[in-house]
Structures are given as structure tokens and as C-alpha cells.
Protein backbone atom coordinates (compact mmCIF):
# COMPACT_ATOMS: atom_id res chain seq x y z
CA MET A 1 101.95 68.44 107.38
CA VAL A 2 100.80 72.20 107.23
CA THR A 3 98.46 72.69 110.31
CA THR A 4 96.21 75.92 110.62
CA LYS A 5 98.31 77.24 113.36
CA ASN A 6 101.37 77.07 111.29
CA LEU A 7 99.73 78.82 108.38
CA ALA A 8 98.26 81.40 110.65
CA ASN A 9 101.99 82.08 111.81
CA HIS A 10 103.39 81.81 108.49
CA LEU A 11 100.56 84.80 107.34
CA GLU A 12 101.36 86.61 110.44
CA VAL A 13 105.13 86.54 109.89
CA THR A 14 104.91 87.20 106.01
CA GLU A 15 102.16 90.26 106.52
CA ILE A 16 105.07 91.42 109.23
CA LYS A 17 107.83 91.33 107.05
CA MET A 18 105.86 92.80 103.99
CA PHE A 19 104.94 95.75 106.46
CA GLU A 20 108.61 96.28 107.62
CA SER A 21 109.83 96.33 104.27
CA ARG A 22 107.49 98.85 102.95
CA LEU A 23 108.01 101.07 105.77
CA ASN A 24 111.69 100.90 105.59
CA ALA A 25 111.22 101.90 101.82
CA ILE A 26 109.24 104.60 103.02
CA LYS A 27 112.06 105.61 105.62
CA GLU A 28 114.57 105.96 102.73
CA ILE A 29 112.64 108.78 101.08
CA GLN A 30 113.98 112.17 101.58
CA ASN A 31 116.08 111.49 104.84
CA ASN A 32 112.71 109.70 106.74
CA ALA A 33 110.64 112.93 106.25
CA MET A 34 107.54 110.59 107.24
CA GLY A 35 108.96 110.04 110.47
CA VAL A 36 109.08 106.14 110.29
CA GLU A 37 110.20 104.12 113.11
CA VAL A 38 109.88 100.22 113.91
CA GLY A 39 110.22 99.14 117.54
CA LYS A 40 110.83 95.54 118.11
CA PHE A 41 109.93 94.30 121.56
CA ASP A 42 110.49 90.41 122.31
CA GLY A 43 107.93 89.13 119.61
CA ALA A 44 106.23 91.89 118.65
CA TYR A 45 106.61 95.07 116.25
CA ALA A 46 105.51 98.49 116.73
CA PHE A 47 105.51 100.39 113.40
CA ALA A 48 105.10 103.99 113.42
CA ILE A 49 104.96 106.88 110.85
CA LYS A 50 104.35 110.27 112.61
CA ASN A 51 103.34 112.01 109.42
CA ILE A 52 100.86 109.58 108.07
CA PRO A 53 97.36 109.67 110.40
CA GLY A 54 95.69 106.56 109.33
CA PRO A 55 95.91 103.51 111.85
CA SER A 56 97.09 101.10 109.34
CA TYR A 57 100.68 102.33 109.47
CA ASN A 58 100.62 102.99 113.15
CA VAL A 59 99.98 99.40 114.48
CA VAL A 60 101.66 96.62 116.27
CA LYS A 61 101.74 93.33 114.99
CA GLY A 62 103.19 90.03 116.24
CA ASP A 63 103.39 88.21 119.79
CA SER A 64 102.73 91.44 122.01
CA PHE A 65 102.30 88.87 125.19
CA SER A 66 105.97 87.19 124.77
CA SER A 67 107.04 88.67 128.36
CA GLU A 68 105.46 90.84 131.10
CA ASN A 69 106.19 94.20 130.31
CA THR A 70 106.05 94.06 126.73
CA ILE A 71 102.61 95.80 126.34
CA GLU A 72 103.90 98.79 128.59
CA LYS A 73 106.97 98.99 126.61
CA ILE A 74 104.83 99.22 123.36
CA LEU A 75 102.50 102.03 125.01
CA SER A 76 105.60 103.75 125.77
CA PHE A 77 107.22 103.54 122.36
CA TYR A 78 103.65 105.33 121.08
CA ARG A 79 103.29 107.84 123.94
CA ALA A 80 107.11 109.22 123.19
CA ARG A 81 106.06 109.67 119.87
CA GLU A 82 102.47 111.39 120.50
CA ILE A 83 100.87 108.42 118.29
CA PRO A 84 98.06 106.35 119.56
CA ALA A 85 98.67 102.69 119.96
CA ARG A 86 96.51 99.96 117.96
CA PHE A 87 97.16 96.40 118.29
CA ASP A 88 96.65 93.96 115.44
CA LEU A 89 96.18 90.88 117.36
CA ALA A 90 96.42 87.69 115.55
CA PRO A 91 93.97 84.74 116.33
CA GLN A 92 96.99 82.88 117.75
CA TYR A 93 97.55 85.41 120.34
CA ALA A 94 94.37 85.83 121.60
CA ASN A 95 93.22 84.28 124.76
CA ALA A 96 91.67 85.25 127.81
CA THR A 97 94.94 85.96 129.42
CA SER A 98 95.87 88.38 126.44
CA LEU A 99 92.71 90.04 126.11
CA GLN A 100 92.67 90.79 129.94
CA LYS A 101 96.21 92.16 129.76
CA LEU A 102 95.03 94.71 126.67
CA HIS A 103 92.24 95.55 128.83
CA ASN A 104 93.90 96.33 131.87
CA ALA A 105 96.32 98.63 129.83
CA GLY A 106 93.15 100.58 128.89
CA LEU A 107 92.84 99.26 125.19
CA TYR A 108 89.74 97.78 123.52
CA GLN A 109 88.54 96.14 120.38
CA SER A 110 87.31 98.72 117.84
CA ASP A 111 87.79 97.10 114.52
CA PHE A 112 88.28 93.66 112.73
CA HIS A 113 90.61 92.86 109.90
CA ALA A 114 90.92 89.52 108.20
CA THR A 115 93.36 87.49 106.09
CA LEU A 116 91.97 85.66 103.55
CA TYR A 117 94.18 82.47 101.82
CA CYS A 118 93.66 79.76 99.43
CA GLU A 119 95.30 77.81 97.23
CA LEU A 120 95.21 78.84 93.52
CA ASN A 121 93.84 76.37 90.91
CA GLU A 122 94.00 76.30 87.30
CA GLU A 123 90.50 77.42 86.68
CA MET A 124 91.38 80.56 88.99
CA VAL A 125 94.71 81.30 87.38
CA GLY A 126 92.80 81.39 83.87
CA LYS A 127 90.48 83.91 85.11
CA ILE A 128 93.44 85.99 86.74
CA LYS A 129 94.90 85.95 83.42
CA ASP A 130 91.72 87.49 81.94
CA SER A 131 91.01 90.13 84.59
CA PRO A 132 90.51 93.77 83.62
CA ILE A 133 92.38 94.11 86.84
CA LYS A 134 96.18 94.92 86.55
CA ILE A 135 98.83 95.12 89.17
CA ARG A 136 101.90 97.51 88.40
CA GLN A 137 104.08 99.60 90.13
CA MET A 138 102.82 102.73 90.76
CA ASN A 139 104.90 105.88 89.35
CA GLU A 140 105.93 109.20 91.66
CA ALA A 141 103.30 111.27 90.00
CA GLU A 142 100.53 108.91 91.07
CA PHE A 143 101.38 108.81 94.66
CA ASP A 144 99.31 112.28 95.57
CA ARG A 145 96.25 110.24 94.19
CA TYR A 146 97.20 107.09 96.16
CA GLY A 147 98.00 108.97 99.16
CA ASN A 148 94.15 110.83 98.76
CA ILE A 149 92.38 107.35 98.17
CA TYR A 150 94.27 106.03 101.35
CA VAL A 151 93.49 108.69 103.81
CA GLU A 152 89.68 108.86 102.75
CA GLY A 153 89.16 105.31 103.06
CA PHE A 154 89.82 105.85 106.96
CA GLY A 155 87.26 109.07 106.65
CA GLN A 156 90.09 111.35 107.50
CA LYS A 157 91.04 114.20 104.89
């Protein structure tokens, strides 16, 4: 039986694995010219890309509260790289104790992100087939355009 908590955990782990895979691919480009690093701290993953200013890549995902000193270790990881720390806190990790720990570390809620999920039915699949939106692999010549759109999405140029 799939419970809400099991589904939330599955979506969180899937997002972490996808994110780690994406950053490892970027890391392989030109001997890690972007400065990609992935720190693992108990149940938390600290993702860092020194040369991409957007907060989406420089983020902590997973369980940052699995041991007493995890938050401080993560903050030290980012301080050593001169990158601001950002924690994406999934609902299963949010409670009064965890939020107090983040507050005590000088952190506060500044944004909101949601992952939406639904099972596809036959009617939806038919609409997807006829959609004008096409998903394809980006070619190398399009990377600058993607980068510009990505950075503009965060209001940075």
C-alpha cells in the first residue's frame, strides 16, 4: 500500500538522484570547470556549483536533521566554498524541532517549492500525444540560450 509518506519519500529520493545525476554530468564537462561538488552528510546532500549563481543548483536536499551536528557541517561546507547555503526542506522533515534548528543557525524561510504528482489516465495520455510541446535533448549550440533563460528566471544577469 502506497501511503502519502512513502510517496513523499519516493519523490524526494527521486529528485535527489536526478539532481545528483545532472550535476555529475556537468562536473564531467571540461574537467569540472563549473566547480561542481556534492557533499553527503548523513541523510542530506549538499549540492554546489561555484560558477552558477542561481540558487537552484546550490541547495541542500534530504534529511538535514539526522544527526546533531549535520546543519553545522553543511554550513561549513558552503562557507568553505563561499556559496550561500539554501535548504530545500521536504514536508516529511519539517517539524517544530527542525525549524527551530534552522532558525538557530540563522536561516529562515524565503521561498516555496512544490512537487506535483498524479497518475496518468488514458485521456491525459491522448492529450500529451497531441501537445505542441515537444521534449528533446538539447544540442550544444543551444546551451547559451538555455543558460540565459535559466539565469533570467532568477532575476540575475
